[in-house]
Protein backbone atom coordinates (compact mmCIF):
# COMPACT_ATOMS: atom_id res chain seq x y z
CA UNK A 1 -1.03 -19.72 -13.89
CA UNK A 2 -3.67 -21.89 -12.20
CA UNK A 3 -7.05 -20.50 -11.16
CA UNK A 4 -6.40 -21.00 -7.45
CA UNK A 5 -3.27 -18.83 -7.61
CA UNK A 6 -5.28 -16.12 -9.35
CA UNK A 7 -8.03 -16.32 -6.73
CA UNK A 8 -5.47 -16.12 -3.93
CA UNK A 9 -3.86 -13.04 -5.49
CA UNK A 10 -7.25 -11.38 -6.07
CA UNK A 11 -8.36 -12.14 -2.52
CA UNK A 12 -5.21 -10.54 -1.09
CA UNK A 13 -5.86 -7.42 -3.15
CA UNK A 14 -9.57 -7.41 -2.21
CA UNK A 15 -8.85 -7.76 1.51
CA UNK A 16 -6.43 -4.82 1.37
CA UNK A 17 -8.95 -2.75 -0.59
CA UNK A 18 -11.75 -3.60 1.88
CA UNK A 19 -9.65 -2.37 4.80
CA UNK A 20 -8.53 0.80 3.03
CA UNK A 21 -12.02 1.68 1.71
CA UNK A 22 -13.60 1.00 5.12
CA UNK A 23 -11.11 3.35 6.78
CA UNK A 24 -11.73 6.05 4.17
CA UNK A 25 -15.50 5.75 4.59
CA UNK A 26 -15.20 5.85 8.38
CA UNK A 27 -13.18 9.05 8.10
CA UNK A 28 -15.71 10.56 5.69
CA UNK A 29 -18.80 9.62 7.73
CA UNK A 30 -17.36 9.92 11.23
CA UNK A 31 -18.48 6.43 12.23
CA UNK A 32 -17.12 2.87 11.79
CA UNK A 33 -17.90 1.28 8.45
CA UNK A 34 -16.59 -2.32 8.38
CA UNK A 35 -16.29 -4.02 5.02
CA UNK A 36 -15.51 -7.69 4.44
CA UNK A 37 -15.14 -10.20 1.62
CA UNK A 38 -17.96 -12.60 0.75
CA UNK A 39 -17.83 -16.04 -0.82
CA UNK A 40 -19.63 -14.80 -3.91
CA UNK A 41 -21.79 -11.97 -5.26
CA UNK A 42 -25.34 -11.74 -3.97
CA UNK A 43 -27.49 -10.92 -7.02
CA UNK A 44 -30.32 -9.74 -4.76
CA UNK A 45 -28.16 -6.84 -3.59
CA UNK A 46 -27.45 -5.66 -7.13
CA UNK A 47 -30.40 -3.38 -7.84
CA UNK A 48 -30.39 -0.14 -9.77
CA UNK A 49 -27.99 1.38 -12.26
CA UNK A 50 -24.36 0.33 -11.75
CA UNK A 51 -21.56 2.84 -11.29
CA UNK A 52 -18.03 1.82 -12.20
CA UNK A 53 -14.65 3.18 -11.16
CA UNK A 54 -11.37 1.96 -12.63
CA UNK A 55 -8.32 1.54 -10.41
CA UNK A 56 -5.27 1.61 -12.67
CA UNK A 57 -2.29 0.06 -10.88
CA UNK A 58 1.28 0.92 -11.86
CA UNK A 59 4.63 -0.08 -10.42
CA UNK A 60 5.70 -3.52 -9.15
CA UNK A 61 2.34 -4.80 -10.38
CA UNK A 62 0.21 -3.24 -13.09
CA UNK A 63 -3.22 -3.62 -14.62
CA UNK A 64 -6.82 -2.66 -13.93
CA UNK A 65 -9.33 -3.44 -11.22
CA UNK A 66 -12.89 -2.13 -11.53
CA UNK A 67 -15.08 -1.16 -8.58
CA UNK A 68 -18.81 -1.64 -9.10
CA UNK A 69 -21.52 -0.13 -6.90
CA UNK A 70 -25.17 0.67 -7.55
CA UNK A 71 -26.88 4.07 -7.48
CA UNK A 72 -29.19 3.35 -4.50
CA UNK A 73 -26.18 2.15 -2.50
CA UNK A 74 -24.14 5.18 -3.48
CA UNK A 75 -27.02 7.51 -2.52
CA UNK A 76 -27.12 5.83 0.91
CA UNK A 77 -23.38 6.29 1.40
CA UNK A 78 -23.36 9.91 0.23
CA UNK A 79 -26.27 10.67 2.58
CA UNK A 80 -24.10 9.47 5.47
CA UNK A 81 -21.28 11.72 4.35
CA UNK A 82 -23.33 14.90 3.83
CA UNK A 83 -25.62 14.10 6.80
CA UNK A 84 -28.83 14.62 4.80
CA UNK A 85 -31.03 12.53 2.47
CA UNK A 86 -29.94 12.21 -1.15
CA UNK A 87 -33.03 11.79 -3.29
CA UNK A 88 -31.32 12.20 -6.65
CA UNK A 89 -27.73 11.23 -7.38
CA UNK A 90 -25.85 14.11 -9.00
CA UNK A 91 -22.43 14.29 -10.62
CA UNK A 92 -20.96 15.95 -7.55
CA UNK A 93 -22.12 13.01 -5.43
CA UNK A 94 -20.39 10.53 -7.71
CA UNK A 95 -17.30 12.72 -7.68
CA UNK A 96 -17.36 12.74 -3.88
CA UNK A 97 -17.40 8.93 -3.86
CA UNK A 98 -14.53 8.89 -6.35
CA UNK A 99 -12.57 11.11 -3.93
CA UNK A 100 -13.19 8.63 -1.09
CA UNK A 101 -12.00 5.77 -3.32
CA UNK A 102 -8.93 7.78 -4.30
CA UNK A 103 -8.21 8.43 -0.62
CA UNK A 104 -8.52 4.69 0.03
CA UNK A 105 -6.00 3.89 -2.70
CA UNK A 106 -3.30 5.74 -0.74
CA UNK A 107 -3.58 3.24 2.11
CA UNK A 108 -4.15 0.44 -0.39
CA UNK A 109 -0.90 1.28 -2.18
CA UNK A 110 0.99 1.19 1.13
CA UNK A 111 -0.52 -2.18 2.03
CA UNK A 112 0.15 -3.74 -1.37
CA UNK A 113 3.67 -2.33 -1.48
CA UNK A 114 4.48 -4.35 1.64
CA UNK A 115 3.48 -7.53 -0.20
CA UNK A 116 4.30 -6.89 -3.86
CA UNK A 117 6.59 -3.86 -4.08
CA UNK A 118 5.95 -0.16 -4.65
CA UNK A 119 2.73 0.63 -6.52
CA UNK A 120 0.61 3.67 -7.30
CA UNK A 121 -3.01 4.14 -8.36
CA UNK A 122 -5.06 6.31 -10.67
CA UNK A 123 -8.85 6.40 -10.16
CA UNK A 124 -11.35 7.40 -12.82
CA UNK A 125 -15.04 6.80 -13.49
CA UNK A 126 -15.85 4.65 -16.50
CA UNK A 127 -19.05 3.52 -18.22
CA UNK A 128 -20.29 0.96 -20.73
CA UNK A 129 -17.93 -1.81 -19.68
CA UNK A 130 -18.39 -5.54 -20.25
CA UNK A 131 -16.91 -7.71 -17.50
CA UNK A 132 -17.28 -11.11 -19.17
CA UNK A 133 -14.53 -13.53 -18.17
CA UNK A 134 -13.15 -11.35 -15.38
CA UNK A 135 -12.62 -12.71 -11.88
CA UNK A 136 -14.99 -11.01 -9.43
CA UNK A 137 -14.67 -10.66 -5.66
CA UNK A 138 -17.62 -9.40 -3.64
CA UNK A 139 -17.31 -7.16 -0.57
CA UNK A 140 -20.19 -6.38 1.78
CA UNK A 141 -20.62 -3.93 4.64
CA UNK A 142 -21.69 -4.89 8.15
CA UNK A 143 -25.13 -6.47 8.71
CA UNK A 144 -26.76 -3.12 9.47
CA UNK A 145 -25.57 -1.96 6.03
CA UNK A 146 -26.66 -5.13 4.24
CA UNK A 147 -27.89 -3.14 1.24
CA UNK A 148 -24.33 -2.06 0.44
CA UNK A 149 -22.24 -4.34 -1.73
CA UNK A 150 -19.04 -3.61 -3.61
CA UNK A 151 -17.87 -5.81 -6.48
CA UNK A 152 -14.27 -5.88 -7.66
CA UNK A 153 -13.57 -7.06 -11.22
CA UNK A 154 -9.97 -8.00 -11.98
CA UNK A 155 -8.43 -7.61 -15.42
CA UNK A 156 -6.30 -10.45 -16.76
CA UNK A 157 -2.96 -8.62 -16.58
CA UNK A 158 -3.43 -7.63 -12.93
CA UNK A 159 -4.55 -11.16 -12.03
CA UNK A 160 -1.49 -12.70 -13.68
CA UNK A 161 0.91 -10.36 -11.92
CA UNK A 162 -0.76 -10.73 -8.52
CA UNK A 163 -0.67 -14.51 -8.75
CA UNK A 164 2.90 -14.63 -10.11
CA UNK A 165 4.30 -12.54 -7.26
CA UNK A 166 2.25 -14.46 -4.69
CA UNK A 167 3.72 -17.71 -6.02
CA UNK A 168 7.24 -16.31 -5.82
CA UNK A 169 6.68 -15.13 -2.25
CA UNK A 170 5.28 -18.47 -1.15
CA UNK A 171 8.30 -20.21 -2.66
CA UNK A 172 10.69 -18.14 -0.53
CA UNK A 173 8.70 -17.56 2.64
CA UNK A 174 7.16 -19.92 5.13
CA UNK A 175 3.91 -19.06 6.94
CA UNK A 176 4.28 -17.98 10.57
CA UNK A 177 2.81 -21.29 11.67
CA UNK A 178 5.64 -23.14 9.87
CA UNK A 179 8.48 -21.30 11.60
CA UNK A 180 9.88 -22.84 14.76
CA UNK A 181 13.02 -22.17 16.80
CA UNK A 182 14.60 -25.22 15.13
CA UNK A 183 14.13 -24.08 11.53
CA UNK A 184 14.27 -20.30 11.94
CA UNK A 185 17.88 -20.35 10.75
CA UNK A 186 16.72 -21.77 7.44
CA UNK A 187 14.88 -18.55 6.54
CA UNK A 188 17.38 -16.02 7.88
CA UNK A 189 18.08 -14.69 4.36
CA UNK A 190 14.42 -14.13 3.49
CA UNK A 191 13.80 -10.41 2.90
CA UNK A 192 10.89 -8.88 4.81
CA UNK A 193 9.21 -5.52 4.23
CA UNK A 194 9.11 -3.20 7.24
CA UNK A 195 7.50 0.24 7.42
CA UNK A 196 7.73 3.31 9.66
CA UNK A 197 4.68 5.05 11.06
CA UNK A 198 5.10 8.67 12.11
CA UNK A 199 1.44 9.10 13.03
CA UNK A 200 -2.06 9.15 11.63
CA UNK A 201 -5.37 10.96 11.90
CA UNK A 202 -8.95 10.85 10.71
CA UNK A 203 -10.20 13.62 8.44
CA UNK A 204 -13.72 14.48 7.33
CA UNK A 205 -14.30 14.27 3.59
CA UNK A 206 -14.69 18.06 3.45
CA UNK A 207 -11.09 18.57 4.58
CA UNK A 208 -9.80 15.84 2.25
CA UNK A 209 -11.46 17.51 -0.73
CA UNK A 210 -9.88 20.83 0.26
CA UNK A 211 -6.32 19.44 0.24
CA UNK A 212 -3.93 21.07 -2.16
CA UNK A 213 -0.28 21.89 -2.66
CA UNK A 214 1.03 23.44 0.56
CA UNK A 215 -1.65 21.94 2.82
CA UNK A 216 -0.44 20.86 6.25
CA UNK A 217 -1.96 17.84 8.00
CA UNK A 218 -1.45 17.54 11.75
CA UNK A 219 -0.87 13.96 12.92
CA UNK A 220 -1.73 12.42 16.29
CA UNK A 221 1.89 12.27 17.47
CA UNK A 222 4.15 14.94 18.98
CA UNK A 223 7.43 15.60 17.19
CA UNK A 224 9.44 14.28 20.16
CA UNK A 225 7.45 11.04 20.43
CA UNK A 226 9.06 7.90 19.01
CA UNK A 227 8.14 6.63 15.57
CA UNK A 228 7.08 3.02 15.20
CA UNK A 229 8.49 0.21 13.08
CA UNK A 230 6.02 -2.37 11.75
CA UNK A 231 6.54 -5.82 10.25
CA UNK A 232 3.48 -7.15 8.41
CA UNK A 233 1.22 -4.85 10.44
CA UNK A 234 2.80 -5.82 13.79
CA UNK A 235 4.69 -3.34 15.96
CA UNK A 236 8.24 -4.62 16.46
CA UNK A 237 10.22 -1.54 17.55
CA UNK A 238 10.13 2.15 18.42
CA UNK A 239 12.81 4.74 17.92
CA UNK A 240 13.78 8.12 16.57
CA UNK A 241 14.02 9.15 12.94
CA UNK A 242 17.53 9.84 11.64
CA UNK A 243 19.13 10.58 8.28
CA UNK A 244 21.52 7.98 6.81
CA UNK A 245 23.35 8.99 3.61
CA UNK A 246 20.44 11.21 2.61
CA UNK A 247 17.77 8.61 3.37
CA UNK A 248 15.39 8.34 6.29
CA UNK A 249 16.44 5.83 8.93
CA UNK A 250 15.47 4.69 12.42
CA UNK A 251 17.59 4.55 15.55
CA UNK A 252 15.89 1.88 17.63
CA UNK A 253 15.31 2.83 21.26
CA UNK A 254 12.74 0.23 22.34
CA UNK A 255 11.83 -3.36 21.45
CA UNK A 256 8.39 -4.05 23.03
CA UNK A 257 8.99 -7.80 22.81
CA UNK A 258 11.54 -10.05 21.10
CA UNK A 259 11.18 -9.76 17.33
CA UNK A 260 11.45 -13.55 16.99
CA UNK A 261 8.21 -13.91 18.97
CA UNK A 262 6.36 -12.46 15.98
CA UNK A 263 7.68 -15.23 13.78
CA UNK A 264 7.74 -18.27 16.01
CA UNK A 265 4.88 -20.55 17.07
């Protein structure tokens, strides 16, 4: 597998992680926390003792990705969550960050499943790792949080599987910009992943940490409101949930705009 394919696969994973982690941090802190990919690591931002968390991926793709942050950065983030200064990083602070990362992997799994197939994650803290030879992607917060940088290190197995599936997808799918009314019929048999959204909500970290078996989470949508059908993050239909041979289904009641308009130039 060539290096460019591996970089493309890693960048797709990193972009999905950045979105999921930013949303989890925003929910934990109560304020927006944008995170974006950088061209390369900024050594000046890497100061202090590093903390590492391993994301073990299982399912359609498998392997390990390691999240690296530094103690001063983590103290800054935890202070935003607990709304008070953190002068000394304790085990419970690191555990709180691990919980936020674990929360992010739920959305990350959903995003990656749309591209690669169903996956799941396990998050644990690790120490004493050597990252020589691994591909690294750097993520940085918004300019007002310039001291915060997140590094993702990709293990060889995960890189190979990400790049292999990306290559297969590119061989069977054309980018949106390549689809026109004249050649749309050529890709009619391409399978696309769609997802249903019943609702969502933001939760403070305190409530997330208190979740357990039997917990009930209220969403932002009434039970009689339509659910939404998404294709690659774009709303394409609304309808009502039904049961088809024991599986969830959707009876479409509204098409906001022609579905083909999402695919055509």
